[in-house]
């Protein structure tokens, strides 16, 4: 099970997440989010991932308001492996960003895009989130049509150490993504919760 720990701003916590077995670490650049990272914080997280002795991991820049081209240029300049465009980005936005950074993930919700399918925008991975990203609120996983989604998609939204195993059993994603579910307070990651989450996801 592929596990992404998102919303990181602290290089030491990012390194600890990697040591605990995270496959990807995500940095959010969205000024309205309590997880918003500065350019300096983002660069430090990428640097920690590059230096991690535990092996290579994907570094993911997550945006939801930056224009796609600017976001791709920022991700490339900071050394991110992947750009995750979250929300109301178009297929044209993805095509434009791909000319700058080839690895793109698309994050959206079934409420916003009820008929979505992996690869519709040429993305490497499709991430399916709840209707209110970053809220930590659980949502109705029965909305997911696993047959249409196939393999290779990532589940997010409302996951935490207690709920992740059940969610995986219910909908069989390729990977899971967590942010608020491993926090002691908004924007503050708890290494103990990260450890429990990764262990539960792979149980």
N, C-alpha and C. Protein backbone atom coordinates (compact mmCIF):
# COMPACT_ATOMS: atom_id res chain seq x y z
N UNK A 1 0.84 -1.20 0.00
CA UNK A 1 0.00 0.00 0.00
C UNK A 1 0.88 1.26 0.00
N UNK A 2 0.70 2.07 -1.00
CA UNK A 2 1.43 3.33 -1.14
C UNK A 2 0.84 4.35 -0.17
N UNK A 3 1.71 5.00 0.61
CA UNK A 3 1.24 5.95 1.64
C UNK A 3 1.89 7.31 1.43
N UNK A 4 1.06 8.32 1.32
CA UNK A 4 1.53 9.70 1.21
C UNK A 4 1.13 10.46 2.48
N UNK A 5 2.12 11.11 3.10
CA UNK A 5 1.87 11.99 4.23
C UNK A 5 1.94 13.42 3.70
N UNK A 6 0.85 14.14 3.80
CA UNK A 6 0.74 15.44 3.15
C UNK A 6 0.64 16.58 4.17
N UNK A 7 0.83 17.79 3.67
CA UNK A 7 0.70 18.98 4.51
C UNK A 7 1.90 19.19 5.41
N UNK A 8 3.08 18.77 4.96
CA UNK A 8 4.29 18.89 5.78
C UNK A 8 4.95 20.25 5.57
N UNK A 9 5.47 20.81 6.67
CA UNK A 9 6.20 22.08 6.61
C UNK A 9 7.53 22.00 7.34
N UNK A 10 7.73 20.94 8.07
CA UNK A 10 8.90 20.77 8.93
C UNK A 10 9.79 19.66 8.37
N UNK A 11 11.02 19.99 8.06
CA UNK A 11 11.93 19.01 7.47
C UNK A 11 12.17 17.81 8.39
N UNK A 12 12.26 18.05 9.68
CA UNK A 12 12.51 16.95 10.62
C UNK A 12 11.32 15.98 10.63
N UNK A 13 10.10 16.52 10.59
CA UNK A 13 8.92 15.65 10.56
C UNK A 13 8.85 14.90 9.25
N UNK A 14 9.21 15.56 8.15
CA UNK A 14 9.23 14.88 6.85
C UNK A 14 10.21 13.71 6.88
N UNK A 15 11.38 13.95 7.44
CA UNK A 15 12.39 12.90 7.53
C UNK A 15 11.89 11.75 8.40
N UNK A 16 11.22 12.08 9.49
CA UNK A 16 10.69 11.04 10.36
C UNK A 16 9.61 10.23 9.64
N UNK A 17 8.75 10.89 8.87
CA UNK A 17 7.72 10.19 8.12
C UNK A 17 8.35 9.20 7.14
N UNK A 18 9.42 9.62 6.51
CA UNK A 18 10.11 8.74 5.57
C UNK A 18 10.74 7.56 6.29
N UNK A 19 11.35 7.82 7.43
CA UNK A 19 11.94 6.74 8.22
C UNK A 19 10.88 5.73 8.67
N UNK A 20 9.65 6.22 8.88
CA UNK A 20 8.56 5.35 9.31
C UNK A 20 7.94 4.58 8.15
N UNK A 21 8.35 4.91 6.93
CA UNK A 21 7.90 4.13 5.79
C UNK A 21 7.03 4.85 4.77
N UNK A 22 6.88 6.17 4.87
CA UNK A 22 6.09 6.90 3.89
C UNK A 22 6.71 6.76 2.50
N UNK A 23 5.86 6.60 1.49
CA UNK A 23 6.32 6.52 0.10
C UNK A 23 6.38 7.89 -0.55
N UNK A 24 5.64 8.84 0.01
CA UNK A 24 5.61 10.19 -0.54
C UNK A 24 5.37 11.18 0.59
N UNK A 25 5.96 12.36 0.43
CA UNK A 25 5.69 13.46 1.35
C UNK A 25 5.17 14.64 0.53
N UNK A 26 4.12 15.25 1.03
CA UNK A 26 3.48 16.34 0.31
C UNK A 26 3.61 17.66 1.04
N UNK A 27 3.75 18.71 0.27
CA UNK A 27 3.82 20.08 0.78
C UNK A 27 2.69 20.87 0.12
N UNK A 28 1.93 21.57 0.94
CA UNK A 28 0.80 22.35 0.45
C UNK A 28 1.19 23.82 0.34
N UNK A 29 0.91 24.41 -0.82
CA UNK A 29 1.05 25.85 -0.98
C UNK A 29 -0.33 26.41 -1.31
N UNK A 30 -1.02 26.82 -0.27
CA UNK A 30 -2.36 27.38 -0.38
C UNK A 30 -2.53 28.33 0.80
N UNK A 31 -2.49 29.63 0.57
CA UNK A 31 -2.46 30.59 1.67
C UNK A 31 -3.60 30.47 2.67
N UNK A 32 -4.72 29.92 2.26
CA UNK A 32 -5.86 29.80 3.18
C UNK A 32 -5.80 28.55 4.05
N UNK A 33 -4.84 27.70 3.81
CA UNK A 33 -4.73 26.45 4.56
C UNK A 33 -3.82 26.61 5.77
N UNK A 34 -4.15 25.97 6.90
CA UNK A 34 -3.24 25.97 8.05
C UNK A 34 -1.96 25.19 7.77
N UNK A 35 -1.93 24.49 6.64
CA UNK A 35 -0.75 23.70 6.27
C UNK A 35 0.08 24.40 5.20
N UNK A 36 -0.24 25.63 4.90
CA UNK A 36 0.48 26.37 3.86
C UNK A 36 1.96 26.50 4.21
N UNK A 37 2.80 26.13 3.25
CA UNK A 37 4.25 26.19 3.46
C UNK A 37 4.84 27.35 2.67
N UNK A 38 5.84 27.98 3.26
CA UNK A 38 6.60 29.01 2.55
C UNK A 38 7.54 28.33 1.56
N UNK A 39 8.12 29.14 0.67
CA UNK A 39 9.09 28.59 -0.27
C UNK A 39 10.27 27.96 0.47
N UNK A 40 10.70 28.61 1.54
CA UNK A 40 11.83 28.10 2.32
C UNK A 40 11.48 26.77 2.98
N UNK A 41 10.30 26.68 3.58
CA UNK A 41 9.88 25.43 4.22
C UNK A 41 9.76 24.31 3.19
N UNK A 42 9.19 24.65 2.03
CA UNK A 42 9.05 23.63 0.98
C UNK A 42 10.41 23.11 0.54
N UNK A 43 11.34 24.01 0.34
CA UNK A 43 12.69 23.60 -0.08
C UNK A 43 13.35 22.72 0.97
N UNK A 44 13.11 23.01 2.25
CA UNK A 44 13.71 22.21 3.32
C UNK A 44 13.12 20.80 3.35
N UNK A 45 11.82 20.67 3.11
CA UNK A 45 11.19 19.34 3.07
C UNK A 45 11.76 18.54 1.91
N UNK A 46 11.88 19.16 0.73
CA UNK A 46 12.45 18.47 -0.42
C UNK A 46 13.89 18.03 -0.11
N UNK A 47 14.66 18.92 0.51
CA UNK A 47 16.04 18.58 0.86
C UNK A 47 16.11 17.42 1.83
N UNK A 48 15.22 17.38 2.81
CA UNK A 48 15.19 16.27 3.77
C UNK A 48 14.90 14.96 3.06
N UNK A 49 13.94 14.99 2.11
CA UNK A 49 13.60 13.78 1.38
C UNK A 49 14.78 13.29 0.55
N UNK A 50 15.51 14.21 -0.05
CA UNK A 50 16.66 13.84 -0.86
C UNK A 50 17.77 13.20 -0.01
N UNK A 51 17.87 13.65 1.24
CA UNK A 51 18.93 13.17 2.13
C UNK A 51 18.54 11.92 2.93
N UNK A 52 17.27 11.50 2.80
CA UNK A 52 16.79 10.41 3.64
C UNK A 52 17.53 9.12 3.35
N UNK A 53 17.98 8.48 4.41
CA UNK A 53 18.71 7.22 4.26
C UNK A 53 17.77 6.05 3.98
N UNK A 54 16.48 6.26 4.22
CA UNK A 54 15.51 5.17 4.07
C UNK A 54 15.22 4.84 2.61
N UNK A 55 15.73 5.63 1.68
CA UNK A 55 15.50 5.35 0.27
C UNK A 55 14.68 6.43 -0.40
N UNK A 56 14.54 6.33 -1.72
CA UNK A 56 13.84 7.38 -2.46
C UNK A 56 12.34 7.44 -2.15
N UNK A 57 11.84 8.64 -2.09
CA UNK A 57 10.41 8.86 -1.92
C UNK A 57 9.98 9.94 -2.91
N UNK A 58 8.69 9.99 -3.20
CA UNK A 58 8.15 11.03 -4.05
C UNK A 58 7.92 12.29 -3.22
N UNK A 59 8.39 13.41 -3.73
CA UNK A 59 8.08 14.70 -3.12
C UNK A 59 7.02 15.35 -3.99
N UNK A 60 5.93 15.80 -3.35
CA UNK A 60 4.74 16.26 -4.07
C UNK A 60 4.38 17.66 -3.63
N UNK A 61 4.30 18.59 -4.58
CA UNK A 61 3.81 19.93 -4.30
C UNK A 61 2.32 19.96 -4.61
N UNK A 62 1.52 20.37 -3.64
CA UNK A 62 0.06 20.40 -3.77
C UNK A 62 -0.41 21.85 -3.84
N UNK A 63 -1.16 22.19 -4.88
CA UNK A 63 -1.70 23.54 -5.02
C UNK A 63 -3.16 23.46 -5.41
N UNK A 64 -3.90 24.52 -5.08
CA UNK A 64 -5.30 24.57 -5.53
C UNK A 64 -5.73 25.95 -6.01
N UNK A 65 -4.83 26.93 -5.92
CA UNK A 65 -5.18 28.26 -6.40
C UNK A 65 -4.16 28.82 -7.40
N UNK A 66 -2.93 28.36 -7.34
CA UNK A 66 -1.91 28.85 -8.26
C UNK A 66 -2.25 28.47 -9.70
N UNK A 67 -2.04 29.35 -10.66
CA UNK A 67 -2.17 28.96 -12.06
C UNK A 67 -1.26 27.77 -12.35
N UNK A 68 -1.71 26.88 -13.22
CA UNK A 68 -1.00 25.62 -13.45
C UNK A 68 0.44 25.82 -13.90
N UNK A 69 0.66 26.75 -14.81
CA UNK A 69 2.03 26.98 -15.29
C UNK A 69 2.93 27.48 -14.16
N UNK A 70 2.44 28.43 -13.38
CA UNK A 70 3.23 28.96 -12.26
C UNK A 70 3.51 27.87 -11.24
N UNK A 71 2.51 27.03 -10.98
CA UNK A 71 2.69 25.94 -10.02
C UNK A 71 3.76 24.96 -10.51
N UNK A 72 3.73 24.63 -11.80
CA UNK A 72 4.73 23.71 -12.35
C UNK A 72 6.12 24.31 -12.31
N UNK A 73 6.22 25.59 -12.61
CA UNK A 73 7.52 26.25 -12.55
C UNK A 73 8.06 26.28 -11.13
N UNK A 74 7.16 26.52 -10.16
CA UNK A 74 7.56 26.53 -8.75
C UNK A 74 8.02 25.15 -8.31
N UNK A 75 7.25 24.13 -8.67
CA UNK A 75 7.61 22.75 -8.30
C UNK A 75 8.97 22.37 -8.88
N UNK A 76 9.19 22.71 -10.14
CA UNK A 76 10.47 22.38 -10.77
C UNK A 76 11.63 23.13 -10.11
N UNK A 77 11.41 24.40 -9.83
CA UNK A 77 12.47 25.22 -9.23
C UNK A 77 12.86 24.71 -7.85
N UNK A 78 11.89 24.21 -7.09
CA UNK A 78 12.15 23.73 -5.74
C UNK A 78 12.63 22.28 -5.71
N UNK A 79 12.55 21.59 -6.83
CA UNK A 79 13.05 20.22 -6.89
C UNK A 79 12.04 19.14 -6.59
N UNK A 80 10.74 19.46 -6.65
CA UNK A 80 9.71 18.45 -6.40
C UNK A 80 9.67 17.45 -7.56
N UNK A 81 9.31 16.21 -7.22
CA UNK A 81 9.14 15.17 -8.24
C UNK A 81 7.80 15.28 -8.94
N UNK A 82 6.78 15.65 -8.17
CA UNK A 82 5.39 15.59 -8.64
C UNK A 82 4.69 16.90 -8.32
N UNK A 83 3.80 17.33 -9.23
CA UNK A 83 2.89 18.43 -8.96
C UNK A 83 1.48 17.87 -8.87
N UNK A 84 0.80 18.16 -7.77
CA UNK A 84 -0.59 17.73 -7.59
C UNK A 84 -1.49 18.95 -7.72
N UNK A 85 -2.29 18.96 -8.78
CA UNK A 85 -3.25 20.03 -9.01
C UNK A 85 -4.58 19.61 -8.40
N UNK A 86 -5.02 20.36 -7.42
CA UNK A 86 -6.16 19.95 -6.60
C UNK A 86 -7.35 20.86 -6.87
N UNK A 87 -8.41 20.28 -7.41
CA UNK A 87 -9.62 21.07 -7.59
C UNK A 87 -9.91 21.40 -9.04
N UNK A 88 -10.34 22.62 -9.29
CA UNK A 88 -10.92 23.01 -10.57
C UNK A 88 -9.89 23.38 -11.64
N UNK A 89 -8.99 22.49 -11.90
CA UNK A 89 -8.06 22.65 -13.00
C UNK A 89 -8.60 21.89 -14.21
N UNK A 90 -8.37 22.43 -15.40
CA UNK A 90 -8.88 21.83 -16.63
C UNK A 90 -7.85 20.91 -17.27
N UNK A 91 -8.30 20.17 -18.28
CA UNK A 91 -7.38 19.34 -19.04
C UNK A 91 -6.31 20.20 -19.71
N UNK A 92 -6.70 21.39 -20.11
CA UNK A 92 -5.73 22.32 -20.72
C UNK A 92 -4.68 22.76 -19.71
N UNK A 93 -5.10 22.97 -18.46
CA UNK A 93 -4.14 23.31 -17.40
C UNK A 93 -3.11 22.20 -17.23
N UNK A 94 -3.58 20.96 -17.24
CA UNK A 94 -2.67 19.83 -17.09
C UNK A 94 -1.70 19.75 -18.27
N UNK A 95 -2.22 19.98 -19.45
CA UNK A 95 -1.35 19.92 -20.63
C UNK A 95 -0.27 21.00 -20.57
N UNK A 96 -0.64 22.17 -20.08
CA UNK A 96 0.33 23.26 -19.98
C UNK A 96 1.38 22.95 -18.93
N UNK A 97 0.93 22.46 -17.77
CA UNK A 97 1.87 22.14 -16.69
C UNK A 97 2.82 21.02 -17.09
N UNK A 98 2.33 20.08 -17.90
CA UNK A 98 3.12 18.92 -18.26
C UNK A 98 4.32 19.28 -19.14
N UNK A 99 4.25 20.40 -19.82
CA UNK A 99 5.39 20.83 -20.62
C UNK A 99 6.56 21.26 -19.73
N UNK A 100 6.28 21.52 -18.46
CA UNK A 100 7.30 21.99 -17.52
C UNK A 100 7.72 20.88 -16.55
N UNK A 101 6.74 20.14 -16.05
CA UNK A 101 7.00 19.05 -15.10
C UNK A 101 6.14 17.86 -15.52
N UNK A 102 6.74 16.77 -15.98
CA UNK A 102 5.95 15.68 -16.56
C UNK A 102 5.10 14.89 -15.58
N UNK A 103 5.48 14.85 -14.32
CA UNK A 103 4.73 14.03 -13.36
C UNK A 103 3.65 14.87 -12.69
N UNK A 104 2.40 14.60 -13.07
CA UNK A 104 1.26 15.35 -12.54
C UNK A 104 0.25 14.40 -11.92
N UNK A 105 -0.27 14.80 -10.76
CA UNK A 105 -1.38 14.09 -10.14
C UNK A 105 -2.59 15.01 -10.14
N UNK A 106 -3.75 14.40 -10.33
CA UNK A 106 -5.00 15.15 -10.29
C UNK A 106 -5.76 14.80 -9.03
N UNK A 107 -6.14 15.80 -8.26
CA UNK A 107 -6.93 15.57 -7.04
C UNK A 107 -8.27 16.27 -7.18
N UNK A 108 -9.33 15.51 -6.95
CA UNK A 108 -10.67 16.07 -7.04
C UNK A 108 -11.60 15.20 -6.19
N UNK A 109 -12.88 15.52 -6.22
CA UNK A 109 -13.86 14.75 -5.45
C UNK A 109 -14.95 14.24 -6.37
N UNK A 110 -15.65 13.22 -5.92
CA UNK A 110 -16.75 12.70 -6.71
C UNK A 110 -17.92 13.67 -6.73
N UNK A 111 -18.03 14.52 -5.72
CA UNK A 111 -19.10 15.52 -5.73
C UNK A 111 -18.85 16.57 -6.81
N UNK A 112 -17.57 16.89 -7.05
CA UNK A 112 -17.23 17.86 -8.09
C UNK A 112 -17.19 17.22 -9.47
N UNK A 113 -16.77 15.95 -9.54
CA UNK A 113 -16.61 15.25 -10.82
C UNK A 113 -17.16 13.83 -10.69
N UNK A 114 -18.48 13.67 -10.69
CA UNK A 114 -19.06 12.36 -10.41
C UNK A 114 -18.70 11.28 -11.43
N UNK A 115 -18.37 11.64 -12.65
CA UNK A 115 -18.07 10.63 -13.66
C UNK A 115 -16.60 10.46 -13.93
N UNK A 116 -15.75 10.93 -13.02
CA UNK A 116 -14.31 10.93 -13.32
C UNK A 116 -13.73 9.53 -13.44
N UNK A 117 -12.67 9.45 -14.25
CA UNK A 117 -11.93 8.21 -14.43
C UNK A 117 -10.44 8.52 -14.46
N UNK A 118 -9.61 7.62 -13.95
CA UNK A 118 -8.16 7.86 -13.99
C UNK A 118 -7.69 8.10 -15.41
N UNK A 119 -6.81 9.07 -15.56
CA UNK A 119 -6.20 9.33 -16.85
C UNK A 119 -6.96 10.27 -17.75
N UNK A 120 -8.14 10.73 -17.32
CA UNK A 120 -8.93 11.63 -18.17
C UNK A 120 -8.15 12.89 -18.56
N UNK A 121 -7.28 13.36 -17.65
CA UNK A 121 -6.50 14.57 -17.92
C UNK A 121 -5.03 14.23 -18.21
N UNK A 122 -4.77 12.96 -18.46
CA UNK A 122 -3.40 12.54 -18.71
C UNK A 122 -2.53 12.51 -17.47
N UNK A 123 -3.15 12.48 -16.31
CA UNK A 123 -2.40 12.50 -15.06
C UNK A 123 -1.77 11.15 -14.76
N UNK A 124 -0.68 11.18 -14.01
CA UNK A 124 -0.02 9.95 -13.58
C UNK A 124 -0.87 9.22 -12.55
N UNK A 125 -1.42 9.95 -11.61
CA UNK A 125 -2.27 9.38 -10.57
C UNK A 125 -3.51 10.25 -10.36
N UNK A 126 -4.61 9.60 -10.05
CA UNK A 126 -5.84 10.29 -9.67
C UNK A 126 -6.03 10.13 -8.17
N UNK A 127 -6.22 11.24 -7.47
CA UNK A 127 -6.47 11.22 -6.03
C UNK A 127 -7.91 11.64 -5.80
N UNK A 128 -8.67 10.80 -5.13
CA UNK A 128 -10.08 11.08 -4.86
C UNK A 128 -10.21 11.51 -3.40
N UNK A 129 -10.68 12.73 -3.22
CA UNK A 129 -10.76 13.36 -1.90
C UNK A 129 -12.23 13.54 -1.52
N UNK A 130 -12.44 13.92 -0.27
CA UNK A 130 -13.77 14.29 0.17
C UNK A 130 -14.17 15.64 -0.41
N UNK A 131 -15.41 16.03 -0.17
CA UNK A 131 -15.92 17.27 -0.76
C UNK A 131 -15.25 18.52 -0.20
N UNK A 132 -14.72 18.42 1.04
CA UNK A 132 -14.08 19.58 1.67
C UNK A 132 -12.63 19.20 1.98
N UNK A 133 -11.71 19.44 1.02
CA UNK A 133 -10.32 19.04 1.22
C UNK A 133 -9.71 19.66 2.47
N UNK A 134 -8.93 18.83 3.19
CA UNK A 134 -8.24 19.33 4.37
C UNK A 134 -9.08 19.39 5.63
N UNK A 135 -10.37 19.07 5.52
CA UNK A 135 -11.25 19.18 6.69
C UNK A 135 -11.09 18.00 7.64
N UNK A 136 -10.63 16.87 7.13
CA UNK A 136 -10.56 15.67 7.95
C UNK A 136 -11.90 14.98 8.11
N UNK A 137 -12.93 15.49 7.44
CA UNK A 137 -14.27 14.91 7.59
C UNK A 137 -14.39 13.62 6.79
N UNK A 138 -14.98 12.61 7.42
CA UNK A 138 -15.24 11.36 6.72
C UNK A 138 -16.32 11.58 5.67
N UNK A 139 -16.27 10.77 4.60
CA UNK A 139 -17.29 10.89 3.56
C UNK A 139 -17.73 9.51 3.12
N UNK A 140 -18.81 9.46 2.35
CA UNK A 140 -19.45 8.20 2.00
C UNK A 140 -18.66 7.47 0.91
N UNK A 141 -17.91 6.48 1.31
CA UNK A 141 -17.07 5.75 0.37
C UNK A 141 -17.88 4.86 -0.57
N UNK A 142 -19.18 4.67 -0.28
CA UNK A 142 -20.00 3.86 -1.18
C UNK A 142 -20.21 4.56 -2.52
N UNK A 143 -19.87 5.86 -2.58
CA UNK A 143 -19.94 6.59 -3.85
C UNK A 143 -18.89 6.09 -4.85
N UNK A 144 -17.86 5.42 -4.37
CA UNK A 144 -16.75 5.01 -5.23
C UNK A 144 -17.11 3.76 -6.01
N UNK A 145 -16.95 3.84 -7.32
CA UNK A 145 -17.15 2.70 -8.21
C UNK A 145 -15.78 2.15 -8.58
N UNK A 146 -15.35 1.17 -7.82
CA UNK A 146 -14.02 0.63 -8.03
C UNK A 146 -13.81 0.04 -9.41
N UNK A 147 -14.87 -0.51 -9.99
CA UNK A 147 -14.74 -1.08 -11.32
C UNK A 147 -14.40 -0.04 -12.37
N UNK A 148 -14.97 1.16 -12.25
CA UNK A 148 -14.68 2.22 -13.20
C UNK A 148 -13.30 2.82 -12.96
N UNK A 149 -12.89 2.89 -11.69
CA UNK A 149 -11.63 3.53 -11.35
C UNK A 149 -10.43 2.64 -11.65
N UNK A 150 -10.61 1.35 -11.61
CA UNK A 150 -9.51 0.45 -11.92
C UNK A 150 -8.41 0.52 -10.88
N UNK A 151 -7.18 0.36 -11.32
CA UNK A 151 -6.03 0.34 -10.42
C UNK A 151 -5.29 1.68 -10.48
N UNK A 152 -4.52 1.95 -9.45
CA UNK A 152 -3.60 3.08 -9.50
C UNK A 152 -4.10 4.39 -8.95
N UNK A 153 -5.28 4.40 -8.31
CA UNK A 153 -5.78 5.65 -7.75
C UNK A 153 -5.53 5.72 -6.24
N UNK A 154 -5.59 6.93 -5.72
CA UNK A 154 -5.26 7.19 -4.32
C UNK A 154 -6.49 7.72 -3.58
N UNK A 155 -6.73 7.21 -2.40
CA UNK A 155 -7.86 7.64 -1.58
C UNK A 155 -7.40 8.65 -0.54
N UNK A 156 -8.18 9.72 -0.38
CA UNK A 156 -7.89 10.75 0.63
C UNK A 156 -9.21 11.22 1.25
N UNK A 157 -9.08 12.00 2.30
CA UNK A 157 -10.26 12.61 2.90
C UNK A 157 -10.81 11.81 4.06
N UNK A 158 -10.67 12.34 5.26
CA UNK A 158 -11.26 11.71 6.43
C UNK A 158 -10.53 10.49 6.94
N UNK A 159 -9.32 10.26 6.46
CA UNK A 159 -8.57 9.09 6.91
C UNK A 159 -7.75 9.43 8.15
N UNK A 160 -7.63 8.47 9.03
CA UNK A 160 -6.79 8.59 10.23
C UNK A 160 -6.38 7.19 10.64
N UNK A 161 -5.58 7.04 11.70
CA UNK A 161 -5.13 5.68 12.06
C UNK A 161 -6.25 4.71 12.37
N UNK A 162 -7.37 5.19 12.85
CA UNK A 162 -8.48 4.31 13.19
C UNK A 162 -9.32 3.91 11.97
N UNK A 163 -9.40 4.78 10.97
CA UNK A 163 -10.31 4.53 9.85
C UNK A 163 -9.64 3.99 8.59
N UNK A 164 -8.33 4.11 8.50
CA UNK A 164 -7.70 3.82 7.21
C UNK A 164 -7.80 2.35 6.81
N UNK A 165 -7.65 1.42 7.73
CA UNK A 165 -7.71 0.00 7.36
C UNK A 165 -9.08 -0.36 6.83
N UNK A 166 -10.13 0.13 7.48
CA UNK A 166 -11.49 -0.15 7.02
C UNK A 166 -11.76 0.45 5.65
N UNK A 167 -11.24 1.66 5.43
CA UNK A 167 -11.44 2.31 4.14
C UNK A 167 -10.74 1.54 3.03
N UNK A 168 -9.53 1.07 3.30
CA UNK A 168 -8.80 0.28 2.31
C UNK A 168 -9.55 -1.01 1.99
N UNK A 169 -10.05 -1.67 3.01
CA UNK A 169 -10.78 -2.92 2.79
C UNK A 169 -12.05 -2.67 1.98
N UNK A 170 -12.68 -1.51 2.18
CA UNK A 170 -13.95 -1.23 1.53
C UNK A 170 -13.80 -0.90 0.04
N UNK A 171 -12.76 -0.13 -0.31
CA UNK A 171 -12.70 0.37 -1.70
C UNK A 171 -11.44 -0.02 -2.46
N UNK A 172 -10.47 -0.62 -1.82
CA UNK A 172 -9.27 -1.16 -2.45
C UNK A 172 -8.51 -0.15 -3.32
N UNK A 173 -8.09 0.96 -2.75
CA UNK A 173 -7.28 1.89 -3.54
C UNK A 173 -5.86 1.36 -3.71
N UNK A 174 -5.13 1.98 -4.63
CA UNK A 174 -3.71 1.66 -4.80
C UNK A 174 -2.89 2.32 -3.69
N UNK A 175 -3.34 3.50 -3.24
CA UNK A 175 -2.62 4.24 -2.22
C UNK A 175 -3.56 5.06 -1.36
N UNK A 176 -3.03 5.60 -0.28
CA UNK A 176 -3.81 6.47 0.61
C UNK A 176 -3.00 7.72 0.92
N UNK A 177 -3.73 8.79 1.21
CA UNK A 177 -3.13 10.09 1.47
C UNK A 177 -3.75 10.63 2.76
N UNK A 178 -2.92 11.15 3.64
CA UNK A 178 -3.43 11.68 4.90
C UNK A 178 -2.73 12.99 5.23
N UNK A 179 -3.48 13.89 5.86
CA UNK A 179 -2.90 15.15 6.32
C UNK A 179 -3.43 15.46 7.72
N UNK A 180 -4.65 15.96 7.81
CA UNK A 180 -5.18 16.34 9.13
C UNK A 180 -5.34 15.14 10.06
N UNK A 181 -5.48 13.95 9.50
CA UNK A 181 -5.67 12.75 10.33
C UNK A 181 -4.46 12.33 11.12
N UNK A 182 -3.31 12.95 10.88
CA UNK A 182 -2.10 12.64 11.67
C UNK A 182 -1.57 13.91 12.34
N UNK A 183 -2.49 14.79 12.73
CA UNK A 183 -2.10 16.04 13.36
C UNK A 183 -2.57 16.12 14.80
N UNK A 184 -1.76 16.75 15.64
CA UNK A 184 -2.15 17.00 17.03
C UNK A 184 -2.96 18.29 17.13
N UNK A 185 -2.79 19.19 16.18
CA UNK A 185 -3.57 20.41 16.04
C UNK A 185 -3.44 20.84 14.58
N UNK A 186 -4.29 21.74 14.09
CA UNK A 186 -4.25 22.07 12.66
C UNK A 186 -2.87 22.50 12.19
N UNK A 187 -2.34 21.74 11.24
CA UNK A 187 -1.05 22.05 10.67
C UNK A 187 0.15 21.48 11.39
N UNK A 188 -0.07 20.82 12.54
CA UNK A 188 1.04 20.29 13.35
C UNK A 188 1.00 18.76 13.31
N UNK A 189 1.97 18.17 12.63
CA UNK A 189 2.00 16.72 12.47
C UNK A 189 2.54 16.06 13.74
N UNK A 190 2.00 14.88 14.04
CA UNK A 190 2.38 14.10 15.22
C UNK A 190 3.05 12.81 14.74
N UNK A 191 4.35 12.64 15.00
CA UNK A 191 5.04 11.44 14.52
C UNK A 191 4.41 10.13 15.01
N UNK A 192 3.86 10.14 16.22
CA UNK A 192 3.23 8.92 16.72
C UNK A 192 2.00 8.56 15.89
N UNK A 193 1.23 9.56 15.49
CA UNK A 193 0.04 9.31 14.66
C UNK A 193 0.46 8.88 13.25
N UNK A 194 1.54 9.46 12.75
CA UNK A 194 2.05 9.04 11.45
C UNK A 194 2.44 7.57 11.49
N UNK A 195 3.14 7.17 12.54
CA UNK A 195 3.55 5.77 12.68
C UNK A 195 2.35 4.85 12.74
N UNK A 196 1.35 5.23 13.51
CA UNK A 196 0.14 4.40 13.62
C UNK A 196 -0.60 4.32 12.29
N UNK A 197 -0.65 5.42 11.57
CA UNK A 197 -1.35 5.44 10.29
C UNK A 197 -0.68 4.51 9.29
N UNK A 198 0.62 4.61 9.16
CA UNK A 198 1.34 3.78 8.20
C UNK A 198 1.20 2.31 8.56
N UNK A 199 1.31 2.00 9.84
CA UNK A 199 1.17 0.62 10.29
C UNK A 199 -0.23 0.08 9.96
N UNK A 200 -1.26 0.89 10.23
CA UNK A 200 -2.64 0.45 9.98
C UNK A 200 -2.91 0.29 8.48
N UNK A 201 -2.34 1.18 7.67
CA UNK A 201 -2.56 1.12 6.23
C UNK A 201 -1.97 -0.14 5.63
N UNK A 202 -0.93 -0.66 6.26
CA UNK A 202 -0.24 -1.81 5.70
C UNK A 202 -0.52 -3.10 6.47
N UNK A 203 -1.43 -3.03 7.41
CA UNK A 203 -1.74 -4.22 8.23
C UNK A 203 -2.40 -5.30 7.38
